[in-house]
Amino acid sequence: MGRVVGPAVGVLDVGSFSARLVVLEPGGSPLDPALTHQTRLRLDRSLNDEGQLCARGIGAISAAVAEGMAVAREHGVREVFPLATSSIRDAANAAEVVRRVARDTGVELRFLSGRREAELTYVGARRWYGAAAGPLLALDIGGGTVELSSGAGEQATFARSLPLGARSVTRDWFPAEPPVRGKQVRALREHVLAEVTDALSDATAELVEHRVVGCSKVLRQLARLAGDRPGKERELHLDDLRAWIPRLAAMPSSRRAKLPGISRQRAQQALGGAVVAEALLTVSGGTVAICPWSTRDGLLLTLLDRLTDGTTGKRQSRPAA
């Protein structure tokens, strides 16, 4: 890709498995970004027993941030949001990580609150489906948290974040390696069901008519595993997912990584993600349509709106973060 001409916005999304730069120009779409660049990370391997990111992991983050920002500058992109996801936000030494990366690169990583992540996930889903889709309930299973958001217009009217991400529940509820016992799976399922039911209690009645959409790699991979219907909109169905949970519980991570849709990096947390997804589908009606856009895309589109509003003189209605 050549130099980006004119104004543009970018997000450098620093997560557990990669630091990914995505740039949009006015009129652009996350489907066809003006520029992308990715640096691999494995921050899941850099956490010690106290939940701190080790020096090697922090060094890898600094190198990835420096590389991503350098690529942006080389292509003339000046406005880049350096987004640190829950893999850094939830580390016991998150403040130290931000200081070290700022010292090494001159870039201060930024966090979004869980609620803001949920709101931006909704923005991504709404832009993907459009106004004609009607009311939406967006579900996002990340590594550290689960985001729930809903609404009928451009912005979410309901947004919650719960500490039930696939990486978090795997660490807290399951042994380091399978097999995982049935009673351990049932205990996690009951916990997640209780948490999600409580979080949605104030909105349950109004969500009945909402279209349920899933906006995360976890849900996309589970839909592929549980049997996408060829030629139809990608969906994840509760009965299909339930059939896979005992099989995942019995498999070592090495075998999970060979299954359709399950990446090697996420094989260990595949069971945790499946149990969380099962609880979400149980509460929300049993079927979720898979949406390719999520928090990062919602943030990019919001930043682009702000850029466009600034060039046309329109008033910005809400901040990006």
Protein backbone atom coordinates (compact mmCIF):
# COMPACT_ATOMS: atom_id res chain seq x y z
CA MET A 1 0.00 0.00 0.00
CA GLY A 2 1.22 3.48 -0.80
CA ARG A 3 1.18 6.64 1.21
CA VAL A 4 -2.24 7.56 2.59
CA VAL A 5 -3.35 10.77 0.89
CA GLY A 6 -5.10 13.38 3.02
CA PRO A 7 -6.61 13.00 6.49
CA ALA A 8 -7.08 9.54 7.98
CA VAL A 9 -7.59 7.86 11.33
CA GLY A 10 -6.09 4.69 12.71
CA VAL A 11 -6.31 2.33 15.65
CA LEU A 12 -3.33 0.36 16.89
CA ASP A 13 -5.09 -2.50 18.66
CA VAL A 14 -2.66 -4.11 21.12
CA GLY A 15 -4.06 -7.44 22.27
CA SER A 16 -2.88 -10.73 23.63
CA PHE A 17 -1.95 -12.25 20.28
CA SER A 18 -1.08 -9.27 18.09
CA ALA A 19 -0.73 -5.52 17.70
CA ARG A 20 -2.79 -4.63 14.64
CA LEU A 21 -2.84 -1.24 12.95
CA VAL A 22 -5.92 -0.42 10.87
CA VAL A 23 -6.31 2.93 9.07
CA LEU A 24 -9.42 4.42 7.44
CA GLU A 25 -9.76 7.41 5.16
CA PRO A 26 -12.94 9.53 4.91
CA GLY A 27 -15.61 7.49 3.19
CA GLY A 28 -13.71 4.31 3.98
CA SER A 29 -14.86 1.12 5.64
CA PRO A 30 -13.24 -1.51 7.88
CA LEU A 31 -14.02 -3.92 5.03
CA ASP A 32 -11.46 -2.14 2.86
CA PRO A 33 -9.00 -0.22 5.08
CA ALA A 34 -6.48 2.16 3.58
CA LEU A 35 -3.66 0.53 5.53
CA THR A 36 -3.13 -2.47 7.81
CA HIS A 37 -0.10 -3.83 9.62
CA GLN A 38 0.20 -6.59 12.20
CA THR A 39 2.90 -7.64 14.66
CA ARG A 40 2.50 -10.95 16.45
CA LEU A 41 2.44 -11.07 20.25
CA ARG A 42 1.92 -13.86 22.79
CA LEU A 43 1.19 -11.96 25.97
CA ASP A 44 -0.57 -15.01 27.41
CA ARG A 45 2.90 -16.53 27.74
CA SER A 46 4.29 -13.47 29.49
CA LEU A 47 2.12 -13.46 32.63
CA ASN A 48 3.68 -14.65 35.88
CA ASP A 49 1.87 -16.32 38.78
CA GLU A 50 0.99 -12.91 40.24
CA GLY A 51 -0.74 -11.81 37.04
CA GLN A 52 2.03 -9.42 36.05
CA LEU A 53 3.42 -9.03 32.56
CA CYS A 54 7.12 -9.90 32.67
CA ALA A 55 9.92 -7.75 31.28
CA ARG A 56 10.05 -9.82 28.08
CA GLY A 57 6.34 -9.24 27.48
CA ILE A 58 6.62 -5.51 28.11
CA GLY A 59 9.57 -5.35 25.73
CA ALA A 60 7.51 -7.14 23.07
CA ILE A 61 4.68 -4.63 23.52
CA SER A 62 7.09 -1.70 23.17
CA ALA A 63 8.60 -3.19 20.01
CA ALA A 64 5.18 -3.84 18.50
CA VAL A 65 3.93 -0.34 19.33
CA ALA A 66 7.06 1.26 17.91
CA GLU A 67 6.74 -0.78 14.71
CA GLY A 68 3.04 -0.05 14.25
CA MET A 69 3.41 3.68 14.84
CA ALA A 70 6.43 3.83 12.53
CA VAL A 71 4.38 2.21 9.74
CA ALA A 72 1.61 4.76 10.33
CA ARG A 73 4.07 7.67 10.14
CA GLU A 74 5.72 6.27 7.01
CA HIS A 75 2.33 6.34 5.30
CA GLY A 76 1.47 9.84 6.48
CA VAL A 77 -1.02 8.83 9.16
CA ARG A 78 -0.78 11.09 12.20
CA GLU A 79 -3.95 10.35 14.19
CA VAL A 80 -3.64 6.87 15.69
CA PHE A 81 -5.47 5.68 18.80
CA PRO A 82 -3.12 3.30 20.71
CA LEU A 83 -5.67 0.92 22.21
CA ALA A 84 -4.56 -1.48 24.94
CA THR A 85 -7.06 -4.29 25.41
CA SER A 86 -7.84 -6.36 28.51
CA SER A 87 -4.67 -8.46 28.17
CA ILE A 88 -2.78 -5.35 29.32
CA ARG A 89 -5.55 -3.55 31.21
CA ASP A 90 -6.12 -6.53 33.51
CA ALA A 91 -2.45 -7.19 34.25
CA ALA A 92 -1.49 -6.55 37.88
CA ASN A 93 1.24 -4.17 36.71
CA ALA A 94 -0.77 -2.41 33.98
CA ALA A 95 0.32 1.07 35.13
CA GLU A 96 3.96 0.03 34.97
CA VAL A 97 3.46 -1.39 31.47
CA VAL A 98 1.99 1.91 30.25
CA ARG A 99 4.89 3.86 31.78
CA ARG A 100 7.53 1.56 30.28
CA VAL A 101 5.99 1.62 26.83
CA ALA A 102 5.67 5.42 26.96
CA ARG A 103 9.32 5.70 28.01
CA ASP A 104 10.47 3.35 25.25
CA THR A 105 8.30 4.62 22.40
CA GLY A 106 6.85 8.00 23.33
CA VAL A 107 3.36 6.49 22.94
CA GLU A 108 0.99 6.29 25.90
CA LEU A 109 -1.29 3.30 25.57
CA ARG A 110 -4.95 4.07 26.22
CA PHE A 111 -7.64 1.95 27.83
CA LEU A 112 -11.37 1.91 27.27
CA SER A 113 -13.74 1.12 30.09
CA GLY A 114 -15.71 -2.08 29.73
CA ARG A 115 -18.89 -0.08 29.24
CA ARG A 116 -17.29 1.99 26.47
CA GLU A 117 -16.08 -1.18 24.78
CA ALA A 118 -19.66 -2.47 24.86
CA GLU A 119 -20.96 0.79 23.37
CA LEU A 120 -18.39 0.68 20.56
CA THR A 121 -19.19 -2.98 19.84
CA TYR A 122 -22.79 -1.89 19.33
CA VAL A 123 -21.66 0.87 16.95
CA GLY A 124 -19.77 -1.71 14.88
CA ALA A 125 -22.75 -4.07 14.80
CA ARG A 126 -25.22 -1.30 13.95
CA ARG A 127 -23.09 -0.04 11.07
CA TRP A 128 -22.75 -3.59 9.73
CA TYR A 129 -26.46 -4.41 9.80
CA GLY A 130 -27.87 -0.93 9.25
CA ALA A 131 -31.05 0.68 10.51
CA ALA A 132 -33.27 -1.78 8.65
CA ALA A 133 -32.15 -4.61 10.96
CA GLY A 134 -34.22 -3.16 13.80
CA PRO A 135 -33.25 -3.46 17.47
CA LEU A 136 -29.97 -5.30 18.14
CA LEU A 137 -28.46 -7.13 21.11
CA ALA A 138 -24.70 -7.38 20.58
CA LEU A 139 -22.63 -10.04 22.39
CA ASP A 140 -18.84 -9.86 22.49
CA ILE A 141 -16.71 -12.50 24.22
CA GLY A 142 -13.17 -11.20 24.59
CA GLY A 143 -10.20 -12.61 26.41
CA GLY A 144 -10.80 -10.80 29.68
CA THR A 145 -14.39 -9.59 29.54
CA VAL A 146 -17.80 -10.08 27.95
CA GLU A 147 -19.59 -7.04 26.55
CA LEU A 148 -23.37 -6.82 26.24
CA SER A 149 -25.03 -3.90 24.45
CA SER A 150 -28.36 -3.16 22.82
CA GLY A 151 -30.36 -0.44 21.17
CA ALA A 152 -32.57 0.48 18.24
CA GLY A 153 -30.72 3.54 16.94
CA GLU A 154 -27.16 4.64 16.17
CA GLN A 155 -26.00 4.40 19.80
CA ALA A 156 -26.54 1.75 22.46
CA THR A 157 -29.13 2.43 25.13
CA PHE A 158 -27.92 -0.50 27.25
CA ALA A 159 -24.27 -1.50 27.82
CA ARG A 160 -22.64 -3.82 30.35
CA SER A 161 -19.23 -5.42 30.75
CA LEU A 162 -18.64 -8.59 32.78
CA PRO A 163 -15.32 -10.25 33.80
CA LEU A 164 -16.19 -13.45 31.94
CA GLY A 165 -13.78 -13.47 29.00
CA ALA A 166 -12.55 -16.78 27.58
CA ARG A 167 -9.01 -16.33 28.89
CA SER A 168 -10.18 -15.22 32.34
CA VAL A 169 -12.63 -18.08 32.95
CA THR A 170 -10.14 -20.64 31.65
CA ARG A 171 -7.54 -19.40 34.11
CA ASP A 172 -9.94 -19.15 37.06
CA TRP A 173 -12.15 -22.23 36.58
CA PHE A 174 -10.27 -24.93 34.67
CA PRO A 175 -7.01 -26.86 35.09
CA ALA A 176 -4.03 -25.86 32.96
CA GLU A 177 -4.56 -28.85 30.67
CA PRO A 178 -7.58 -31.06 29.94
CA PRO A 179 -9.36 -33.25 30.61
CA VAL A 180 -11.78 -30.95 32.40
CA ARG A 181 -14.32 -32.64 34.64
CA GLY A 182 -18.02 -32.31 34.04
CA LYS A 183 -18.61 -30.77 37.45
CA GLN A 184 -16.06 -28.03 36.64
CA VAL A 185 -17.90 -27.23 33.42
CA ARG A 186 -21.26 -27.19 35.22
CA ALA A 187 -19.93 -24.90 37.94
CA LEU A 188 -18.70 -22.36 35.38
CA ARG A 189 -21.95 -22.59 33.41
CA GLU A 190 -24.02 -21.87 36.51
CA HIS A 191 -21.78 -18.94 37.44
CA VAL A 192 -21.93 -17.37 33.98
CA LEU A 193 -25.69 -17.89 33.71
CA ALA A 194 -26.22 -16.16 37.04
CA GLU A 195 -23.97 -13.22 36.13
CA VAL A 196 -25.49 -12.71 32.67
CA THR A 197 -29.08 -13.09 33.89
CA ASP A 198 -28.45 -10.51 36.59
CA ALA A 199 -26.76 -8.10 34.16
CA LEU A 200 -29.69 -8.30 31.73
CA SER A 201 -32.43 -8.27 34.38
CA ASP A 202 -33.37 -4.63 33.86
CA ALA A 203 -33.58 -5.07 30.10
CA THR A 204 -34.95 -8.61 29.67
CA ALA A 205 -38.46 -7.58 28.62
CA GLU A 206 -37.36 -5.14 25.94
CA LEU A 207 -34.73 -7.51 24.51
CA VAL A 208 -37.26 -10.15 23.46
CA GLU A 209 -37.69 -8.63 19.99
CA HIS A 210 -34.03 -7.79 19.46
CA ARG A 211 -31.90 -9.46 16.81
CA VAL A 212 -28.99 -11.17 18.60
CA VAL A 213 -25.56 -10.74 16.99
CA GLY A 214 -22.13 -11.99 18.04
CA CYS A 215 -19.16 -9.69 17.53
CA SER A 216 -15.96 -11.51 18.47
CA LYS A 217 -13.36 -13.99 17.23
CA VAL A 218 -14.46 -16.40 19.96
CA LEU A 219 -17.99 -16.55 18.58
CA ARG A 220 -16.80 -16.66 14.95
CA GLN A 221 -14.53 -19.62 15.71
CA LEU A 222 -17.25 -21.44 17.62
CA ALA A 223 -19.67 -20.92 14.73
CA ARG A 224 -17.14 -22.47 12.37
CA LEU A 225 -16.57 -25.37 14.77
CA ALA A 226 -20.25 -26.01 15.39
CA GLY A 227 -21.15 -26.13 11.71
CA ASP A 228 -21.90 -23.01 9.70
CA ARG A 229 -24.71 -23.65 7.24
CA PRO A 230 -23.23 -23.31 3.72
CA GLY A 231 -24.85 -20.57 1.69
CA LYS A 232 -26.59 -19.06 4.69
CA GLU A 233 -25.78 -16.24 7.08
CA ARG A 234 -23.17 -17.42 9.55
CA GLU A 235 -24.88 -18.35 12.80
CA LEU A 236 -24.16 -20.18 16.03
CA HIS A 237 -26.92 -22.39 17.40
CA LEU A 238 -27.22 -23.45 21.03
CA ASP A 239 -27.84 -27.16 20.39
CA ASP A 240 -24.84 -27.41 18.06
CA LEU A 241 -22.62 -25.67 20.59
CA ARG A 242 -23.78 -27.84 23.49
CA ALA A 243 -22.83 -30.98 21.57
CA TRP A 244 -19.24 -29.77 21.35
CA ILE A 245 -18.66 -28.78 24.98
CA PRO A 246 -18.04 -32.29 26.41
CA ARG A 247 -15.80 -33.08 23.44
CA LEU A 248 -13.72 -29.95 24.02
CA ALA A 249 -13.51 -30.77 27.74
CA ALA A 250 -11.95 -34.14 26.97
CA MET A 251 -9.40 -32.90 24.42
CA PRO A 252 -5.88 -31.59 25.05
CA SER A 253 -5.15 -28.18 23.54
CA SER A 254 -3.05 -29.77 20.81
CA ARG A 255 -6.10 -31.66 19.49
CA ARG A 256 -8.41 -28.67 19.82
CA ALA A 257 -6.04 -26.67 17.61
CA LYS A 258 -6.68 -29.12 14.75
CA LEU A 259 -10.46 -28.62 14.85
CA PRO A 260 -12.27 -26.50 12.24
CA GLY A 261 -12.22 -22.84 13.24
CA ILE A 262 -10.07 -23.20 16.38
CA SER A 263 -6.76 -21.36 16.09
CA ARG A 264 -3.66 -22.66 17.80
CA GLN A 265 -3.36 -19.50 19.90
CA ARG A 266 -6.90 -19.81 21.26
CA ALA A 267 -7.07 -23.60 21.63
CA GLN A 268 -6.48 -23.59 25.38
CA GLN A 269 -9.33 -21.16 26.04
CA ALA A 270 -11.75 -22.69 23.51
CA LEU A 271 -13.69 -24.62 26.16
CA GLY A 272 -14.02 -21.58 28.42
CA GLY A 273 -15.26 -19.50 25.51
CA ALA A 274 -17.74 -22.23 24.55
CA VAL A 275 -19.22 -22.43 28.06
CA VAL A 276 -19.59 -18.64 28.22
CA ALA A 277 -21.18 -18.63 24.75
CA GLU A 278 -23.59 -21.38 25.78
CA ALA A 279 -24.77 -19.32 28.74
CA LEU A 280 -25.21 -16.22 26.56
CA LEU A 281 -27.22 -18.14 23.97
CA THR A 282 -29.33 -19.75 26.69
CA VAL A 283 -30.35 -16.34 27.99
CA SER A 284 -30.73 -14.62 24.61
CA GLY A 285 -32.84 -17.12 22.68
CA GLY A 286 -30.60 -19.86 21.33
CA THR A 287 -29.27 -18.42 18.06
CA VAL A 288 -26.73 -15.69 17.37
CA ALA A 289 -25.85 -14.23 13.97
CA ILE A 290 -22.11 -13.68 13.53
CA CYS A 291 -21.09 -10.07 12.85
CA PRO A 292 -17.56 -9.43 11.52
CA TRP A 293 -17.29 -5.98 13.14
CA SER A 294 -16.64 -5.37 16.81
CA THR A 295 -15.06 -2.89 19.24
CA ARG A 296 -12.09 -1.87 17.10
CA ASP A 297 -14.32 -1.27 14.10
CA GLY A 298 -16.76 0.74 16.19
CA LEU A 299 -13.87 2.85 17.47
CA LEU A 300 -12.50 3.38 13.96
CA LEU A 301 -15.88 4.45 12.64
CA THR A 302 -16.42 6.78 15.58
CA LEU A 303 -13.00 8.38 15.06
CA LEU A 304 -13.78 8.73 11.36
CA ASP A 305 -17.09 10.40 12.19
CA ARG A 306 -15.21 12.87 14.37
CA LEU A 307 -12.72 13.58 11.60
CA THR A 308 -15.48 14.08 9.04
CA ASP A 309 -17.50 16.27 11.39
CA GLY A 310 -14.41 18.37 12.01
CA THR A 311 -13.81 18.97 8.30
CA THR A 312 -17.46 19.85 7.61
CA GLY A 313 -17.98 22.00 10.67
CA LYS A 314 -20.60 19.73 12.20
CA ARG A 315 -20.77 19.35 15.93
CA GLN A 316 -19.44 16.06 17.29
CA SER A 317 -22.18 14.40 19.32
CA ARG A 318 -20.03 12.14 21.53
CA PRO A 319 -16.36 11.43 22.13
CA ALA A 320 -14.59 8.41 20.70
CA ALA A 321 -13.41 7.19 24.07
